[in-house]
N, C-alpha and C. Protein backbone atom coordinates (compact mmCIF):
# COMPACT_ATOMS: atom_id res chain seq x y z
N MET A 1 0.76 -1.17 0.10
CA MET A 1 -0.08 0.04 -0.03
C MET A 1 0.81 1.21 -0.04
N ASN A 2 1.94 1.31 0.65
CA ASN A 2 2.80 2.38 0.77
C ASN A 2 3.57 2.67 -0.59
N ARG A 3 3.81 1.58 -1.33
CA ARG A 3 4.36 1.67 -2.49
C ARG A 3 3.36 2.39 -3.49
N PHE A 4 2.15 2.09 -3.39
CA PHE A 4 1.09 2.52 -4.25
C PHE A 4 0.96 4.07 -4.02
N VAL A 5 0.88 4.50 -2.76
CA VAL A 5 0.72 5.96 -2.22
C VAL A 5 1.98 6.64 -2.79
N ALA A 6 3.27 6.18 -2.69
CA ALA A 6 4.34 6.82 -3.08
C ALA A 6 4.44 6.97 -4.64
N PHE A 7 4.02 5.84 -5.28
CA PHE A 7 3.93 5.95 -6.73
C PHE A 7 3.00 7.16 -7.19
N PHE A 8 1.74 7.08 -6.55
CA PHE A 8 0.90 8.10 -6.92
C PHE A 8 1.32 9.55 -6.58
N LEU A 9 1.95 9.74 -5.36
CA LEU A 9 2.38 11.08 -5.04
C LEU A 9 3.56 11.53 -6.04
N GLY A 10 4.35 10.53 -6.43
CA GLY A 10 5.36 10.89 -7.51
C GLY A 10 4.88 11.19 -8.69
N ILE A 11 3.71 10.64 -9.19
CA ILE A 11 3.14 10.98 -10.48
C ILE A 11 2.57 12.42 -10.42
N VAL A 12 1.89 12.63 -9.20
CA VAL A 12 1.13 13.98 -9.00
C VAL A 12 2.39 15.10 -8.99
N LEU A 13 3.45 14.86 -8.27
CA LEU A 13 4.43 15.97 -8.21
C LEU A 13 5.06 16.08 -9.52
N ILE A 14 5.33 15.11 -10.34
CA ILE A 14 5.95 15.24 -11.69
C ILE A 14 4.98 16.17 -12.55
N SER A 15 3.62 15.76 -12.47
CA SER A 15 2.80 16.48 -13.37
C SER A 15 2.41 18.01 -12.87
N CYS A 16 2.78 18.30 -11.66
CA CYS A 16 2.63 19.57 -11.23
C CYS A 16 3.82 20.52 -11.55
N GLU A 17 4.57 20.43 -12.61
CA GLU A 17 5.65 21.15 -12.82
C GLU A 17 5.36 22.65 -12.94
N PRO A 18 6.08 23.49 -12.31
CA PRO A 18 5.88 24.89 -12.38
C PRO A 18 5.68 25.60 -13.78
N LYS A 19 4.73 26.37 -14.04
CA LYS A 19 4.69 26.96 -15.44
C LYS A 19 5.76 27.83 -15.59
N LYS A 20 6.11 27.82 -16.92
CA LYS A 20 7.32 28.65 -17.31
C LYS A 20 6.68 30.01 -17.72
N GLN A 21 7.41 31.07 -17.31
CA GLN A 21 7.14 32.41 -17.55
C GLN A 21 7.09 32.65 -18.93
N GLU A 22 5.92 33.24 -19.42
CA GLU A 22 5.87 33.59 -20.88
C GLU A 22 6.70 34.81 -21.08
N THR A 23 7.26 34.96 -22.32
CA THR A 23 8.06 36.17 -22.59
C THR A 23 7.44 36.94 -23.47
N VAL A 24 7.37 38.18 -23.39
CA VAL A 24 6.72 39.12 -24.26
C VAL A 24 7.72 39.58 -25.42
N THR A 25 7.28 39.38 -26.62
CA THR A 25 8.16 39.75 -27.62
C THR A 25 7.75 41.32 -28.10
N VAL A 26 8.72 42.12 -28.06
CA VAL A 26 8.34 43.56 -28.51
C VAL A 26 8.93 43.48 -29.99
N VAL A 27 7.99 44.07 -30.97
CA VAL A 27 8.34 43.99 -32.35
C VAL A 27 8.32 45.61 -32.74
N GLU A 28 9.50 46.11 -33.33
CA GLU A 28 9.59 47.38 -33.77
C GLU A 28 8.58 47.66 -34.88
N THR A 29 7.91 48.68 -34.76
CA THR A 29 6.64 49.05 -35.67
C THR A 29 7.09 49.99 -36.71
N LYS A 30 8.25 50.44 -36.66
CA LYS A 30 8.57 51.53 -37.54
C LYS A 30 9.41 50.85 -38.73
N GLN A 31 9.04 49.74 -39.08
CA GLN A 31 9.84 49.08 -40.18
C GLN A 31 9.48 49.79 -41.44
N LYS A 32 10.36 49.95 -42.38
CA LYS A 32 10.08 50.51 -43.70
C LYS A 32 9.28 49.39 -44.45
N ILE A 33 8.33 49.91 -45.27
CA ILE A 33 7.36 49.18 -46.20
C ILE A 33 7.61 49.76 -47.50
N TYR A 34 7.63 48.93 -48.44
CA TYR A 34 7.64 49.20 -49.85
C TYR A 34 6.47 48.84 -50.68
N LEU A 35 5.69 49.82 -51.06
CA LEU A 35 4.35 49.59 -51.61
C LEU A 35 4.47 49.97 -53.21
N ASP A 36 3.71 49.15 -53.90
CA ASP A 36 3.72 49.59 -55.31
C ASP A 36 2.91 50.81 -55.39
N SER A 37 3.14 51.72 -56.32
CA SER A 37 2.39 52.87 -56.40
C SER A 37 0.92 52.51 -56.78
N PHE A 38 -0.02 53.35 -56.18
CA PHE A 38 -1.32 53.05 -56.41
C PHE A 38 -1.93 53.43 -57.91
N GLN A 39 -2.42 52.52 -58.47
CA GLN A 39 -2.96 52.62 -59.81
C GLN A 39 -4.39 53.02 -59.60
N GLY A 40 -4.78 54.23 -59.75
CA GLY A 40 -6.25 54.79 -59.47
C GLY A 40 -7.28 53.90 -60.00
N VAL A 41 -8.27 53.68 -59.46
CA VAL A 41 -9.43 52.81 -59.91
C VAL A 41 -10.36 53.93 -60.64
N VAL A 42 -10.45 53.65 -61.93
CA VAL A 42 -11.31 54.57 -62.79
C VAL A 42 -12.67 54.26 -62.62
N ILE A 43 -13.61 55.13 -62.30
CA ILE A 43 -15.02 54.93 -62.27
C ILE A 43 -15.54 55.32 -63.78
N SER A 44 -15.63 54.33 -64.49
CA SER A 44 -15.96 54.54 -66.00
C SER A 44 -17.32 55.05 -66.21
N ASN A 45 -17.42 56.12 -67.00
CA ASN A 45 -18.65 56.76 -67.33
C ASN A 45 -19.44 57.13 -66.11
N SER A 46 -18.82 57.36 -65.12
CA SER A 46 -19.61 57.98 -63.83
C SER A 46 -18.87 59.06 -63.25
N ASN A 47 -18.23 59.91 -63.94
CA ASN A 47 -17.70 61.08 -63.36
C ASN A 47 -18.60 62.02 -62.70
N GLU A 48 -19.89 61.92 -63.16
CA GLU A 48 -20.99 62.78 -62.57
C GLU A 48 -21.22 62.28 -61.07
N ILE A 49 -21.31 60.99 -61.00
CA ILE A 49 -21.48 60.54 -59.71
C ILE A 49 -20.54 60.86 -58.60
N TYR A 50 -19.17 60.64 -59.18
CA TYR A 50 -17.98 61.02 -58.42
C TYR A 50 -17.82 62.42 -57.99
N ARG A 51 -18.21 63.25 -58.97
CA ARG A 51 -18.12 64.69 -58.71
C ARG A 51 -19.22 65.18 -57.65
N ASN A 52 -20.35 64.63 -57.68
CA ASN A 52 -21.42 64.91 -56.86
C ASN A 52 -21.54 64.31 -55.55
N TRP A 53 -20.84 63.28 -55.39
CA TRP A 53 -20.85 62.53 -54.09
C TRP A 53 -19.52 62.72 -53.31
N ARG A 54 -19.56 63.88 -52.54
CA ARG A 54 -18.32 64.32 -51.86
C ARG A 54 -17.82 63.33 -50.89
N THR A 55 -18.66 62.51 -50.21
CA THR A 55 -18.32 61.54 -49.30
C THR A 55 -17.35 60.38 -49.97
N LEU A 56 -17.72 60.18 -51.24
CA LEU A 56 -17.02 59.08 -52.01
C LEU A 56 -15.64 59.62 -52.47
N GLN A 57 -15.64 60.86 -52.68
CA GLN A 57 -14.33 61.45 -53.06
C GLN A 57 -13.34 61.41 -51.88
N LEU A 58 -13.89 61.85 -50.70
CA LEU A 58 -13.07 61.86 -49.69
C LEU A 58 -12.69 60.47 -49.23
N PHE A 59 -13.53 59.54 -49.29
CA PHE A 59 -13.12 58.06 -49.07
C PHE A 59 -12.05 57.67 -50.08
N ALA A 60 -12.21 57.88 -51.36
CA ALA A 60 -11.16 57.55 -52.13
C ALA A 60 -9.78 58.15 -51.93
N GLN A 61 -9.86 59.32 -51.53
CA GLN A 61 -8.53 60.04 -51.17
C GLN A 61 -7.98 59.41 -49.96
N THR A 62 -8.80 59.05 -48.88
CA THR A 62 -8.24 58.57 -47.80
C THR A 62 -7.80 57.10 -48.11
N TYR A 63 -8.39 56.34 -48.93
CA TYR A 63 -7.91 54.92 -49.19
C TYR A 63 -6.47 55.08 -50.01
N GLU A 64 -6.57 55.94 -51.03
CA GLU A 64 -5.29 56.04 -51.74
C GLU A 64 -4.09 56.67 -51.03
N ALA A 65 -4.46 57.21 -49.82
CA ALA A 65 -3.25 57.64 -48.85
C ALA A 65 -2.56 56.49 -48.30
N LEU A 66 -3.18 55.25 -48.23
CA LEU A 66 -2.47 54.07 -47.79
C LEU A 66 -1.12 53.88 -48.65
N TYR A 67 -1.10 54.19 -49.88
CA TYR A 67 0.03 53.97 -50.79
C TYR A 67 1.01 55.08 -50.76
N LYS A 68 0.86 56.03 -49.90
CA LYS A 68 1.81 57.01 -49.77
C LYS A 68 2.80 57.03 -48.57
N VAL A 69 2.42 55.98 -47.63
CA VAL A 69 3.29 55.96 -46.31
C VAL A 69 4.52 55.32 -46.71
N LYS A 70 5.43 55.37 -45.72
CA LYS A 70 6.83 54.88 -45.80
C LYS A 70 7.03 53.84 -44.98
N ASN A 71 6.35 53.89 -43.58
CA ASN A 71 6.51 52.87 -42.62
C ASN A 71 5.30 52.36 -42.06
N SER A 72 5.30 51.21 -41.40
CA SER A 72 4.07 50.62 -40.80
C SER A 72 3.42 51.31 -39.84
N GLU A 73 4.06 52.25 -39.19
CA GLU A 73 3.38 53.10 -38.17
C GLU A 73 2.40 54.05 -38.85
N ASP A 74 2.91 54.63 -39.85
CA ASP A 74 2.10 55.52 -40.73
C ASP A 74 1.00 54.82 -41.35
N LEU A 75 1.31 53.61 -41.88
CA LEU A 75 0.27 52.84 -42.50
C LEU A 75 -0.91 52.49 -41.65
N LEU A 76 -0.63 52.23 -40.38
CA LEU A 76 -1.54 51.92 -39.32
C LEU A 76 -2.46 53.18 -39.26
N ILE A 77 -1.87 54.29 -39.11
CA ILE A 77 -2.67 55.60 -39.02
C ILE A 77 -3.54 55.76 -40.23
N ALA A 78 -3.03 55.44 -41.43
CA ALA A 78 -3.87 55.62 -42.69
C ALA A 78 -4.95 54.53 -42.72
N VAL A 79 -4.72 53.40 -42.17
CA VAL A 79 -5.83 52.31 -42.15
C VAL A 79 -6.91 52.79 -41.27
N GLU A 80 -6.61 53.35 -40.12
CA GLU A 80 -7.63 53.80 -39.13
C GLU A 80 -8.36 54.98 -39.94
N ASN A 81 -7.65 55.91 -40.46
CA ASN A 81 -8.44 56.94 -41.23
C ASN A 81 -9.39 56.51 -42.32
N ALA A 82 -8.95 55.37 -43.04
CA ALA A 82 -9.73 54.70 -44.11
C ALA A 82 -10.92 54.13 -43.49
N LEU A 83 -10.89 53.58 -42.32
CA LEU A 83 -11.96 52.94 -41.61
C LEU A 83 -12.98 53.98 -41.08
N LYS A 84 -12.48 55.16 -40.57
CA LYS A 84 -13.36 56.19 -40.37
C LYS A 84 -14.15 56.78 -41.56
N SER A 85 -13.52 56.80 -42.73
CA SER A 85 -14.06 57.21 -43.88
C SER A 85 -14.99 56.32 -44.45
N ILE A 86 -14.94 54.97 -44.09
CA ILE A 86 -15.96 53.95 -44.59
C ILE A 86 -17.17 54.34 -43.60
N GLU A 87 -16.84 54.51 -42.35
CA GLU A 87 -17.88 54.74 -41.54
C GLU A 87 -18.91 55.96 -42.03
N ASN A 88 -18.16 56.95 -42.54
CA ASN A 88 -18.89 58.19 -43.06
C ASN A 88 -19.74 57.65 -44.28
N LEU A 89 -19.12 56.87 -45.17
CA LEU A 89 -19.89 56.32 -46.35
C LEU A 89 -21.14 55.51 -45.91
N GLU A 90 -21.01 54.77 -44.75
CA GLU A 90 -22.22 54.11 -44.32
C GLU A 90 -23.20 54.89 -43.83
N ASN A 91 -22.79 55.89 -43.00
CA ASN A 91 -23.90 56.96 -42.48
C ASN A 91 -24.39 57.97 -43.40
N GLN A 92 -23.75 58.16 -44.50
CA GLN A 92 -24.24 59.31 -45.34
C GLN A 92 -25.23 58.72 -46.32
N GLN A 93 -26.00 59.54 -46.88
CA GLN A 93 -26.95 59.10 -47.87
C GLN A 93 -26.28 58.83 -49.14
N LYS A 94 -26.58 57.78 -49.79
CA LYS A 94 -25.94 57.47 -51.09
C LYS A 94 -27.03 57.74 -52.11
N PRO A 95 -26.51 57.83 -53.38
CA PRO A 95 -27.40 58.13 -54.52
C PRO A 95 -28.42 57.06 -54.64
N GLU A 96 -29.53 57.19 -55.11
CA GLU A 96 -30.48 56.26 -55.23
C GLU A 96 -30.27 55.24 -56.26
N ALA A 97 -29.40 55.56 -57.27
CA ALA A 97 -29.06 54.63 -58.33
C ALA A 97 -28.27 53.45 -57.77
N ILE A 98 -27.64 53.60 -56.58
CA ILE A 98 -26.75 52.54 -55.95
C ILE A 98 -27.57 51.76 -55.14
N GLU A 99 -27.77 50.37 -55.68
CA GLU A 99 -28.57 49.47 -54.64
C GLU A 99 -27.82 49.23 -53.42
N SER A 100 -28.66 49.16 -52.34
CA SER A 100 -28.09 49.15 -50.90
C SER A 100 -27.52 47.68 -50.74
N PRO A 101 -28.19 46.58 -51.07
CA PRO A 101 -27.44 45.37 -50.47
C PRO A 101 -26.03 45.15 -51.13
N GLY A 102 -25.84 45.19 -52.35
CA GLY A 102 -24.48 45.00 -52.97
C GLY A 102 -23.54 46.08 -52.49
N TYR A 103 -23.98 47.19 -52.41
CA TYR A 103 -23.16 48.30 -51.81
C TYR A 103 -22.67 48.11 -50.46
N LEU A 104 -23.62 47.72 -49.74
CA LEU A 104 -23.28 47.55 -48.34
C LEU A 104 -22.37 46.27 -48.02
N SER A 105 -22.73 45.19 -48.75
CA SER A 105 -21.81 44.04 -48.77
C SER A 105 -20.43 44.34 -49.14
N ARG A 106 -20.18 45.11 -50.16
CA ARG A 106 -18.91 45.36 -50.71
C ARG A 106 -18.21 46.22 -49.61
N LEU A 107 -18.88 47.12 -49.12
CA LEU A 107 -18.36 48.15 -48.17
C LEU A 107 -18.07 47.34 -46.84
N ASP A 108 -18.77 46.34 -46.37
CA ASP A 108 -18.39 45.58 -45.38
C ASP A 108 -17.20 44.78 -45.53
N LEU A 109 -17.13 44.15 -46.74
CA LEU A 109 -15.97 43.36 -47.15
C LEU A 109 -14.71 44.31 -47.01
N LEU A 110 -14.68 45.43 -47.58
CA LEU A 110 -13.40 46.28 -47.41
C LEU A 110 -13.23 46.70 -46.00
N LYS A 111 -14.24 46.94 -45.33
CA LYS A 111 -14.02 47.22 -43.91
C LYS A 111 -13.30 45.92 -43.19
N THR A 112 -13.82 44.80 -43.44
CA THR A 112 -13.25 43.51 -42.87
C THR A 112 -11.63 43.51 -43.15
N GLU A 113 -11.46 43.61 -44.51
CA GLU A 113 -9.98 43.57 -44.88
C GLU A 113 -9.29 44.58 -44.25
N LEU A 114 -9.71 45.87 -44.09
CA LEU A 114 -8.97 46.87 -43.38
C LEU A 114 -8.67 46.53 -41.87
N PHE A 115 -9.80 45.89 -41.39
CA PHE A 115 -9.64 45.56 -39.87
C PHE A 115 -8.55 44.42 -39.77
N ARG A 116 -8.53 43.45 -40.79
CA ARG A 116 -7.48 42.35 -40.68
C ARG A 116 -6.05 43.09 -40.93
N LEU A 117 -5.96 43.98 -41.66
CA LEU A 117 -4.58 44.71 -41.93
C LEU A 117 -4.20 45.55 -40.68
N LYS A 118 -5.29 46.18 -40.10
CA LYS A 118 -4.99 47.01 -38.84
C LYS A 118 -4.39 45.93 -37.75
N GLU A 119 -5.10 44.90 -37.62
CA GLU A 119 -4.70 43.93 -36.61
C GLU A 119 -3.27 43.47 -36.72
N LYS A 120 -2.87 43.11 -38.06
CA LYS A 120 -1.46 42.70 -38.25
C LYS A 120 -0.62 43.82 -38.01
N LEU A 121 -0.95 45.02 -38.37
CA LEU A 121 0.02 46.18 -38.21
C LEU A 121 0.07 46.40 -36.68
N SER A 122 -0.96 46.29 -35.92
CA SER A 122 -0.97 46.42 -34.48
C SER A 122 0.01 45.45 -33.83
N GLU A 123 0.18 44.41 -34.34
CA GLU A 123 1.02 43.33 -33.93
C GLU A 123 2.41 43.45 -34.42
N GLY A 124 2.73 44.54 -35.17
CA GLY A 124 3.96 44.91 -35.51
C GLY A 124 4.46 44.10 -36.81
N GLN A 125 3.41 43.54 -37.65
CA GLN A 125 3.59 42.82 -38.80
C GLN A 125 2.96 43.53 -40.05
N PHE A 126 3.61 43.25 -41.22
CA PHE A 126 2.93 43.75 -42.33
C PHE A 126 2.79 42.40 -43.26
N ASP A 127 1.42 42.37 -43.77
CA ASP A 127 1.17 41.15 -44.47
C ASP A 127 0.73 41.75 -45.94
N ALA A 128 1.53 41.41 -46.98
CA ALA A 128 1.20 42.03 -48.26
C ALA A 128 0.08 41.36 -48.78
N ASN A 129 -0.23 40.14 -48.50
CA ASN A 129 -1.54 39.49 -49.09
C ASN A 129 -2.78 40.16 -48.54
N ILE A 130 -2.87 40.41 -47.18
CA ILE A 130 -3.93 41.15 -46.70
C ILE A 130 -4.15 42.55 -47.29
N PHE A 131 -2.92 43.31 -47.55
CA PHE A 131 -2.81 44.59 -48.24
C PHE A 131 -3.42 44.37 -49.63
N GLU A 132 -3.12 43.47 -50.33
CA GLU A 132 -3.65 43.20 -51.64
C GLU A 132 -5.18 42.97 -51.62
N ASP A 133 -5.56 42.20 -50.53
CA ASP A 133 -6.99 41.91 -50.44
C ASP A 133 -7.85 43.12 -50.33
N THR A 134 -7.22 44.05 -49.55
CA THR A 134 -7.97 45.44 -49.29
C THR A 134 -7.94 46.10 -50.60
N LEU A 135 -7.04 46.02 -51.41
CA LEU A 135 -7.07 46.80 -52.86
C LEU A 135 -8.10 46.05 -53.55
N ASN A 136 -8.20 44.72 -53.64
CA ASN A 136 -9.28 44.09 -54.45
C ASN A 136 -10.59 44.30 -53.87
N ALA A 137 -10.81 44.55 -52.64
CA ALA A 137 -12.14 44.88 -52.15
C ALA A 137 -12.43 46.30 -52.48
N TYR A 138 -11.54 47.14 -52.36
CA TYR A 138 -11.76 48.57 -52.89
C TYR A 138 -12.08 48.60 -54.34
N LYS A 139 -11.44 47.91 -55.19
CA LYS A 139 -11.74 47.89 -56.48
C LYS A 139 -13.07 47.28 -56.82
N GLY A 140 -13.48 46.24 -56.16
CA GLY A 140 -14.79 45.77 -56.16
C GLY A 140 -15.92 46.72 -55.97
N LEU A 141 -15.70 47.50 -54.74
CA LEU A 141 -16.63 48.49 -54.35
C LEU A 141 -16.72 49.63 -55.38
N MET A 142 -15.69 50.07 -55.93
CA MET A 142 -15.67 51.25 -56.94
C MET A 142 -16.41 50.77 -58.22
N LYS A 143 -16.06 49.58 -58.59
CA LYS A 143 -16.56 49.05 -59.93
C LYS A 143 -18.10 48.68 -59.75
N TYR A 144 -18.46 48.29 -58.44
CA TYR A 144 -19.89 48.14 -58.41
C TYR A 144 -20.67 49.37 -58.43
N ILE A 145 -20.21 50.47 -57.88
CA ILE A 145 -20.76 51.81 -57.81
C ILE A 145 -20.82 52.23 -59.16
N SER A 146 -19.84 52.00 -60.13
CA SER A 146 -19.73 52.44 -61.39
C SER A 146 -20.83 51.81 -62.31
N LEU A 147 -20.73 50.44 -62.00
CA LEU A 147 -21.92 49.63 -62.90
C LEU A 147 -23.27 50.04 -62.58
N GLN A 148 -23.52 50.24 -61.26
CA GLN A 148 -24.89 50.62 -60.83
C GLN A 148 -25.23 52.04 -61.40
N TRP A 149 -24.43 52.91 -61.65
CA TRP A 149 -24.60 54.22 -62.10
C TRP A 149 -24.76 54.11 -63.53
N GLU A 150 -24.13 53.37 -64.16
CA GLU A 150 -24.17 53.15 -65.65
C GLU A 150 -25.64 52.64 -65.89
N ARG A 151 -25.98 51.55 -65.21
CA ARG A 151 -27.34 51.07 -65.40
C ARG A 151 -28.45 51.87 -65.22
N SER A 152 -28.32 52.86 -64.20
CA SER A 152 -29.39 53.79 -64.07
C SER A 152 -29.53 55.00 -65.05
N THR A 153 -28.46 55.28 -65.85
CA THR A 153 -28.55 56.37 -66.66
C THR A 153 -28.69 55.92 -68.10
């Protein structure tokens, strides 16, 4: 019986190994980033909507500012500004020619991609694939707006 108790206590003591202290890794966020220059998304045949929809103009300028930064810290600030600009687009009245479901879903997709990018940048990392996903979502939104406008005129 004593052997059983000793064996059991030995197993318990071995399994109760003290937890190792987790080390926190600090990552420098001022790393240089090199982005391809932004090739503007042309809204075909819809210059009228672009000129008259000031919130869309401001949003496009804010998004395109992402391509003018030189380090990840500035990119994080530009992403936050783009997210605020998307919020303005959501809260402002859009032209009636733009159907809501498709517009809002594309806006949500872009917002999701920007949040993913913001999360990576907050961790001190830059993910070029996520950055490209934001560009694709932006292009999709702008093309949708363009096509909806063309259909209505």
